């Protein structure tokens, strides 16, 4: 899957979960990615955040940074 598609998807997930407080939204987005995205997709979007964040919404950025802390520790 292209990085562009992953960015679009994570931004949609973020928009759909933006009805909570910021911290709750970040947790919801991160949990969604952990549960439903393949490991290869998670690695690809984490690598993207290390290069360029311009296309990600603020909530999506924060969720991926949180996700990266989980997967970079493994």
PDB file of N, CA and C in Angstrom:
ATOM      1  N   UNK A   1       0.844  -1.173   0.000  1.00  0.00           N
ATOM      2  CA  UNK A   1       0.000   0.000   0.000  1.00  0.00           C
ATOM      3  C   UNK A   1       0.892   1.239   0.000  1.00  0.00           C
ATOM      4  N   UNK A   2       0.496   2.242  -0.730  1.00  0.00           N
ATOM      5  CA  UNK A   2       1.323   3.446  -0.805  1.00  0.00           C
ATOM      6  C   UNK A   2       1.223   4.256   0.487  1.00  0.00           C
ATOM      7  N   UNK A   3       2.260   4.997   0.771  1.00  0.00           N
ATOM      8  CA  UNK A   3       2.274   5.850   1.953  1.00  0.00           C
ATOM      9  C   UNK A   3       1.163   6.881   1.865  1.00  0.00           C
ATOM     10  N   UNK A   4       0.927   7.374   0.670  1.00  0.00           N
ATOM     11  CA  UNK A   4      -0.150   8.356   0.473  1.00  0.00           C
ATOM     12  C   UNK A   4      -1.490   7.782   0.917  1.00  0.00           C
ATOM     13  N   UNK A   5      -1.753   6.533   0.597  1.00  0.00           N
ATOM     14  CA  UNK A   5      -3.000   5.885   1.007  1.00  0.00           C
ATOM     15  C   UNK A   5      -3.064   5.725   2.523  1.00  0.00           C
ATOM     16  N   UNK A   6      -1.946   5.368   3.133  1.00  0.00           N
ATOM     17  CA  UNK A   6      -1.921   5.211   4.588  1.00  0.00           C
ATOM     18  C   UNK A   6      -2.168   6.542   5.286  1.00  0.00           C
ATOM     19  N   UNK A   7      -1.574   7.602   4.774  1.00  0.00           N
ATOM     20  CA  UNK A   7      -1.776   8.931   5.337  1.00  0.00           C
ATOM     21  C   UNK A   7      -3.252   9.311   5.247  1.00  0.00           C
ATOM     22  N   UNK A   8      -3.847   9.074   4.101  1.00  0.00           N
ATOM     23  CA  UNK A   8      -5.270   9.376   3.927  1.00  0.00           C
ATOM     24  C   UNK A   8      -6.114   8.576   4.919  1.00  0.00           C
ATOM     25  N   UNK A   9      -5.792   7.301   5.069  1.00  0.00           N
ATOM     26  CA  UNK A   9      -6.556   6.439   5.970  1.00  0.00           C
ATOM     27  C   UNK A   9      -6.424   6.883   7.423  1.00  0.00           C
ATOM     28  N   UNK A  10      -5.198   7.158   7.867  1.00  0.00           N
ATOM     29  CA  UNK A  10      -5.019   7.542   9.271  1.00  0.00           C
ATOM     30  C   UNK A  10      -5.655   8.894   9.552  1.00  0.00           C
ATOM     31  N   UNK A  11      -5.634   9.799   8.587  1.00  0.00           N
ATOM     32  CA  UNK A  11      -6.320  11.081   8.763  1.00  0.00           C
ATOM     33  C   UNK A  11      -7.827  10.883   8.870  1.00  0.00           C
ATOM     34  N   UNK A  12      -8.390   9.970   8.095  1.00  0.00           N
ATOM     35  CA  UNK A  12      -9.819   9.670   8.193  1.00  0.00           C
ATOM     36  C   UNK A  12     -10.156   9.065   9.555  1.00  0.00           C
ATOM     37  N   UNK A  13      -9.318   8.153  10.013  1.00  0.00           N
ATOM     38  CA  UNK A  13      -9.523   7.551  11.333  1.00  0.00           C
ATOM     39  C   UNK A  13      -9.473   8.641  12.409  1.00  0.00           C
ATOM     40  N   UNK A  14      -8.513   9.538  12.283  1.00  0.00           N
ATOM     41  CA  UNK A  14      -8.391  10.640  13.248  1.00  0.00           C
ATOM     42  C   UNK A  14      -9.630  11.528  13.219  1.00  0.00           C
ATOM     43  N   UNK A  15     -10.093  11.864  12.035  1.00  0.00           N
ATOM     44  CA  UNK A  15     -11.287  12.701  11.933  1.00  0.00           C
ATOM     45  C   UNK A  15     -12.509  12.022  12.525  1.00  0.00           C
ATOM     46  N   UNK A  16     -12.617  10.712  12.345  1.00  0.00           N
ATOM     47  CA  UNK A  16     -13.755   9.966  12.876  1.00  0.00           C
ATOM     48  C   UNK A  16     -13.691   9.788  14.391  1.00  0.00           C
ATOM     49  N   UNK A  17     -12.535   9.988  14.969  1.00  0.00           N
ATOM     50  CA  UNK A  17     -12.364   9.808  16.409  1.00  0.00           C
ATOM     51  C   UNK A  17     -12.013  11.106  17.120  1.00  0.00           C
ATOM     52  N   UNK A  18     -12.351  12.214  16.535  1.00  0.00           N
ATOM     53  CA  UNK A  18     -11.983  13.513  17.114  1.00  0.00           C
ATOM     54  C   UNK A  18     -13.049  14.077  18.045  1.00  0.00           C
ATOM     55  N   UNK A  19     -14.062  13.288  18.376  1.00  0.00           N
ATOM     56  CA  UNK A  19     -15.174  13.761  19.193  1.00  0.00           C
ATOM     57  C   UNK A  19     -14.896  13.677  20.693  1.00  0.00           C
ATOM     58  N   UNK A  20     -13.770  13.111  21.072  1.00  0.00           N
ATOM     59  CA  UNK A  20     -13.381  12.983  22.484  1.00  0.00           C
ATOM     60  C   UNK A  20     -12.378  14.085  22.826  1.00  0.00           C
ATOM     61  N   UNK A  21     -11.890  14.047  24.054  1.00  0.00           N
ATOM     62  CA  UNK A  21     -10.786  14.940  24.394  1.00  0.00           C
ATOM     63  C   UNK A  21      -9.583  14.537  23.547  1.00  0.00           C
ATOM     64  N   UNK A  22      -8.587  15.397  23.469  1.00  0.00           N
ATOM     65  CA  UNK A  22      -7.423  15.091  22.635  1.00  0.00           C
ATOM     66  C   UNK A  22      -6.749  13.792  23.076  1.00  0.00           C
ATOM     67  N   UNK A  23      -6.521  13.627  24.352  1.00  0.00           N
ATOM     68  CA  UNK A  23      -5.828  12.425  24.824  1.00  0.00           C
ATOM     69  C   UNK A  23      -6.657  11.162  24.568  1.00  0.00           C
ATOM     70  N   UNK A  24      -7.963  11.254  24.740  1.00  0.00           N
ATOM     71  CA  UNK A  24      -8.828  10.102  24.458  1.00  0.00           C
ATOM     72  C   UNK A  24      -8.843   9.791  22.967  1.00  0.00           C
ATOM     73  N   UNK A  25      -8.873  10.819  22.149  1.00  0.00           N
ATOM     74  CA  UNK A  25      -8.856  10.626  20.697  1.00  0.00           C
ATOM     75  C   UNK A  25      -7.568   9.966  20.241  1.00  0.00           C
ATOM     76  N   UNK A  26      -6.449  10.435  20.770  1.00  0.00           N
ATOM     77  CA  UNK A  26      -5.154   9.850  20.421  1.00  0.00           C
ATOM     78  C   UNK A  26      -5.134   8.376  20.802  1.00  0.00           C
ATOM     79  N   UNK A  27      -5.649   8.064  21.972  1.00  0.00           N
ATOM     80  CA  UNK A  27      -5.699   6.670  22.434  1.00  0.00           C
ATOM     81  C   UNK A  27      -6.582   5.818  21.516  1.00  0.00           C
ATOM     82  N   UNK A  28      -7.742   6.347  21.129  1.00  0.00           N
ATOM     83  CA  UNK A  28      -8.645   5.618  20.230  1.00  0.00           C
ATOM     84  C   UNK A  28      -7.988   5.345  18.880  1.00  0.00           C
ATOM     85  N   UNK A  29      -7.331   6.352  18.334  1.00  0.00           N
ATOM     86  CA  UNK A  29      -6.670   6.211  17.029  1.00  0.00           C
ATOM     87  C   UNK A  29      -5.544   5.187  17.127  1.00  0.00           C
ATOM     88  N   UNK A  30      -4.728   5.318  18.153  1.00  0.00           N
ATOM     89  CA  UNK A  30      -3.608   4.400  18.343  1.00  0.00           C
ATOM     90  C   UNK A  30      -4.118   2.963  18.499  1.00  0.00           C
ATOM     91  N   UNK A  31      -5.150   2.777  19.284  1.00  0.00           N
ATOM     92  CA  UNK A  31      -5.711   1.442  19.474  1.00  0.00           C
ATOM     93  C   UNK A  31      -6.266   0.875  18.173  1.00  0.00           C
ATOM     94  N   UNK A  32      -6.889   1.721  17.376  1.00  0.00           N
ATOM     95  CA  UNK A  32      -7.404   1.269  16.081  1.00  0.00           C
ATOM     96  C   UNK A  32      -6.257   0.772  15.198  1.00  0.00           C
ATOM     97  N   UNK A  33      -5.200   1.529  15.145  1.00  0.00           N
ATOM     98  CA  UNK A  33      -4.051   1.140  14.330  1.00  0.00           C
ATOM     99  C   UNK A  33      -3.434  -0.154  14.843  1.00  0.00           C
ATOM    100  N   UNK A  34      -3.317  -0.283  16.159  1.00  0.00           N
ATOM    101  CA  UNK A  34      -2.746  -1.510  16.738  1.00  0.00           C
ATOM    102  C   UNK A  34      -3.596  -2.726  16.387  1.00  0.00           C
ATOM    103  N   UNK A  35      -4.912  -2.575  16.454  1.00  0.00           N
ATOM    104  CA  UNK A  35      -5.818  -3.708  16.252  1.00  0.00           C
ATOM    105  C   UNK A  35      -6.010  -4.087  14.788  1.00  0.00           C
ATOM    106  N   UNK A  36      -6.119  -3.093  13.916  1.00  0.00           N
ATOM    107  CA  UNK A  36      -6.596  -3.357  12.567  1.00  0.00           C
ATOM    108  C   UNK A  36      -5.574  -3.183  11.446  1.00  0.00           C
ATOM    109  N   UNK A  37      -4.454  -2.573  11.723  1.00  0.00           N
ATOM    110  CA  UNK A  37      -3.455  -2.389  10.677  1.00  0.00           C
ATOM    111  C   UNK A  37      -2.410  -3.498  10.754  1.00  0.00           C
ATOM    112  N   UNK A  38      -2.005  -3.967   9.605  1.00  0.00           N
ATOM    113  CA  UNK A  38      -0.929  -4.962   9.529  1.00  0.00           C
ATOM    114  C   UNK A  38       0.369  -4.332  10.026  1.00  0.00           C
ATOM    115  N   UNK A  39       1.257  -5.159  10.533  1.00  0.00           N
ATOM    116  CA  UNK A  39       2.536  -4.670  11.040  1.00  0.00           C
ATOM    117  C   UNK A  39       3.286  -3.874   9.975  1.00  0.00           C
ATOM    118  N   UNK A  40       3.224  -4.331   8.740  1.00  0.00           N
ATOM    119  CA  UNK A  40       3.912  -3.617   7.653  1.00  0.00           C
ATOM    120  C   UNK A  40       3.344  -2.211   7.464  1.00  0.00           C
ATOM    121  N   UNK A  41       2.038  -2.061   7.624  1.00  0.00           N
ATOM    122  CA  UNK A  41       1.408  -0.743   7.500  1.00  0.00           C
ATOM    123  C   UNK A  41       1.841   0.166   8.647  1.00  0.00           C
ATOM    124  N   UNK A  42       1.873  -0.391   9.852  1.00  0.00           N
ATOM    125  CA  UNK A  42       2.290   0.398  11.023  1.00  0.00           C
ATOM    126  C   UNK A  42       3.736   0.859  10.862  1.00  0.00           C
ATOM    127  N   UNK A  43       4.600  -0.038  10.435  1.00  0.00           N
ATOM    128  CA  UNK A  43       6.007   0.331  10.238  1.00  0.00           C
ATOM    129  C   UNK A  43       6.150   1.412   9.175  1.00  0.00           C
ATOM    130  N   UNK A  44       5.376   1.281   8.106  1.00  0.00           N
ATOM    131  CA  UNK A  44       5.455   2.248   7.010  1.00  0.00           C
ATOM    132  C   UNK A  44       5.012   3.641   7.467  1.00  0.00           C
ATOM    133  N   UNK A  45       3.925   3.727   8.230  1.00  0.00           N
ATOM    134  CA  UNK A  45       3.448   5.042   8.660  1.00  0.00           C
ATOM    135  C   UNK A  45       4.368   5.622   9.734  1.00  0.00           C
ATOM    136  N   UNK A  46       4.951   4.769  10.566  1.00  0.00           N
ATOM    137  CA  UNK A  46       5.922   5.248  11.556  1.00  0.00           C
ATOM    138  C   UNK A  46       7.157   5.808  10.849  1.00  0.00           C
ATOM    139  N   UNK A  47       7.645   5.109   9.834  1.00  0.00           N
ATOM    140  CA  UNK A  47       8.794   5.609   9.062  1.00  0.00           C
ATOM    141  C   UNK A  47       8.465   6.948   8.402  1.00  0.00           C
ATOM    142  N   UNK A  48       7.240   7.073   7.912  1.00  0.00           N
ATOM    143  CA  UNK A  48       6.811   8.330   7.289  1.00  0.00           C
ATOM    144  C   UNK A  48       6.901   9.479   8.292  1.00  0.00           C
ATOM    145  N   UNK A  49       6.496   9.243   9.531  1.00  0.00           N
ATOM    146  CA  UNK A  49       6.514  10.320  10.522  1.00  0.00           C
ATOM    147  C   UNK A  49       7.923  10.779  10.836  1.00  0.00           C
ATOM    148  N   UNK A  50       8.898   9.916  10.603  1.00  0.00           N
ATOM    149  CA  UNK A  50      10.285  10.295  10.856  1.00  0.00           C
ATOM    150  C   UNK A  50      10.848  11.139   9.708  1.00  0.00           C
ATOM    151  N   UNK A  51      10.142  11.167   8.592  1.00  0.00           N
ATOM    152  CA  UNK A  51      10.606  11.919   7.428  1.00  0.00           C
ATOM    153  C   UNK A  51       9.787  13.183   7.182  1.00  0.00           C
ATOM    154  N   UNK A  52       8.466  13.065   7.288  1.00  0.00           N
ATOM    155  CA  UNK A  52       7.596  14.159   6.873  1.00  0.00           C
ATOM    156  C   UNK A  52       6.259  14.028   7.591  1.00  0.00           C
ATOM    157  N   UNK A  53       5.813  15.118   8.189  1.00  0.00           N
ATOM    158  CA  UNK A  53       4.531  15.103   8.902  1.00  0.00           C
ATOM    159  C   UNK A  53       3.503  16.046   8.283  1.00  0.00           C
ATOM    160  N   UNK A  54       3.844  16.662   7.197  1.00  0.00           N
ATOM    161  CA  UNK A  54       3.010  17.729   6.657  1.00  0.00           C
ATOM    162  C   UNK A  54       1.599  17.312   6.278  1.00  0.00           C
ATOM    163  N   UNK A  55       1.402  16.092   5.872  1.00  0.00           N
ATOM    164  CA  UNK A  55       0.094  15.663   5.399  1.00  0.00           C
ATOM    165  C   UNK A  55      -0.785  15.067   6.493  1.00  0.00           C
ATOM    166  N   UNK A  56      -0.235  14.894   7.687  1.00  0.00           N
ATOM    167  CA  UNK A  56      -0.996  14.296   8.782  1.00  0.00           C
ATOM    168  C   UNK A  56      -1.701  15.368   9.605  1.00  0.00           C
ATOM    169  N   UNK A  57      -2.905  15.052  10.063  1.00  0.00           N
ATOM    170  CA  UNK A  57      -3.600  15.951  10.985  1.00  0.00           C
ATOM    171  C   UNK A  57      -2.881  15.910  12.331  1.00  0.00           C
ATOM    172  N   UNK A  58      -3.070  16.927  13.160  1.00  0.00           N
ATOM    173  CA  UNK A  58      -2.405  16.921  14.472  1.00  0.00           C
ATOM    174  C   UNK A  58      -2.725  15.677  15.309  1.00  0.00           C
ATOM    175  N   UNK A  59      -3.981  15.240  15.312  1.00  0.00           N
ATOM    176  CA  UNK A  59      -4.336  14.038  16.078  1.00  0.00           C
ATOM    177  C   UNK A  59      -3.668  12.801  15.506  1.00  0.00           C
ATOM    178  N   UNK A  60      -3.628  12.691  14.193  1.00  0.00           N
ATOM    179  CA  UNK A  60      -2.990  11.545  13.554  1.00  0.00           C
ATOM    180  C   UNK A  60      -1.503  11.512  13.901  1.00  0.00           C
ATOM    181  N   UNK A  61      -0.851  12.671  13.864  1.00  0.00           N
ATOM    182  CA  UNK A  61       0.571  12.749  14.210  1.00  0.00           C
ATOM    183  C   UNK A  61       0.812  12.231  15.620  1.00  0.00           C
ATOM    184  N   UNK A  62       0.009  12.708  16.559  1.00  0.00           N
ATOM    185  CA  UNK A  62       0.196  12.322  17.960  1.00  0.00           C
ATOM    186  C   UNK A  62      -0.046  10.839  18.160  1.00  0.00           C
ATOM    187  N   UNK A  63      -1.049  10.291  17.483  1.00  0.00           N
ATOM    188  CA  UNK A  63      -1.340   8.860  17.611  1.00  0.00           C
ATOM    189  C   UNK A  63      -0.204   8.016  17.048  1.00  0.00           C
ATOM    190  N   UNK A  64       0.370   8.444  15.949  1.00  0.00           N
ATOM    191  CA  UNK A  64       1.466   7.678  15.340  1.00  0.00           C
ATOM    192  C   UNK A  64       2.732   7.784  16.186  1.00  0.00           C
ATOM    193  N   UNK A  65       2.973   8.940  16.766  1.00  0.00           N
ATOM    194  CA  UNK A  65       4.109   9.073  17.676  1.00  0.00           C
ATOM    195  C   UNK A  65       3.934   8.118  18.853  1.00  0.00           C
ATOM    196  N   UNK A  66       2.720   8.035  19.385  1.00  0.00           N
ATOM    197  CA  UNK A  66       2.431   7.100  20.476  1.00  0.00           C
ATOM    198  C   UNK A  66       2.629   5.660  20.005  1.00  0.00           C
ATOM    199  N   UNK A  67       2.129   5.352  18.826  1.00  0.00           N
ATOM    200  CA  UNK A  67       2.281   4.019  18.254  1.00  0.00           C
ATOM    201  C   UNK A  67       3.758   3.672  18.092  1.00  0.00           C
ATOM    202  N   UNK A  68       4.540   4.628  17.668  1.00  0.00           N
ATOM    203  CA  UNK A  68       5.973   4.408  17.456  1.00  0.00           C
ATOM    204  C   UNK A  68       6.669   4.044  18.762  1.00  0.00           C
ATOM    205  N   UNK A  69       6.254   4.634  19.865  1.00  0.00           N
ATOM    206  CA  UNK A  69       6.886   4.296  21.144  1.00  0.00           C
ATOM    207  C   UNK A  69       6.609   2.843  21.513  1.00  0.00           C
ATOM    208  N   UNK A  70       5.469   2.336  21.124  1.00  0.00           N
ATOM    209  CA  UNK A  70       5.114   0.950  21.409  1.00  0.00           C
ATOM    210  C   UNK A  70       5.954   0.003  20.552  1.00  0.00           C
ATOM    211  N   UNK A  71       6.031   0.284  19.263  1.00  0.00           N
ATOM    212  CA  UNK A  71       6.693  -0.619  18.332  1.00  0.00           C
ATOM    213  C   UNK A  71       8.203  -0.442  18.288  1.00  0.00           C
ATOM    214  N   UNK A  72       8.705   0.704  18.661  1.00  0.00           N
ATOM    215  CA  UNK A  72      10.160   0.894  18.678  1.00  0.00           C
ATOM    216  C   UNK A  72      10.790   0.243  19.902  1.00  0.00           C
ATOM    217  N   UNK A  73       9.981  -0.038  20.918  1.00  0.00           N
ATOM    218  CA  UNK A  73      10.490  -0.712  22.112  1.00  0.00           C
ATOM    219  C   UNK A  73      10.601  -2.211  21.907  1.00  0.00           C
ATOM    220  N   UNK A  74      10.023  -2.727  20.829  1.00  0.00           N
ATOM    221  CA  UNK A  74      10.010  -4.179  20.591  1.00  0.00           C
ATOM    222  C   UNK A  74      11.150  -4.602  19.692  1.00  0.00           C
TER     223      UNK A  74
END
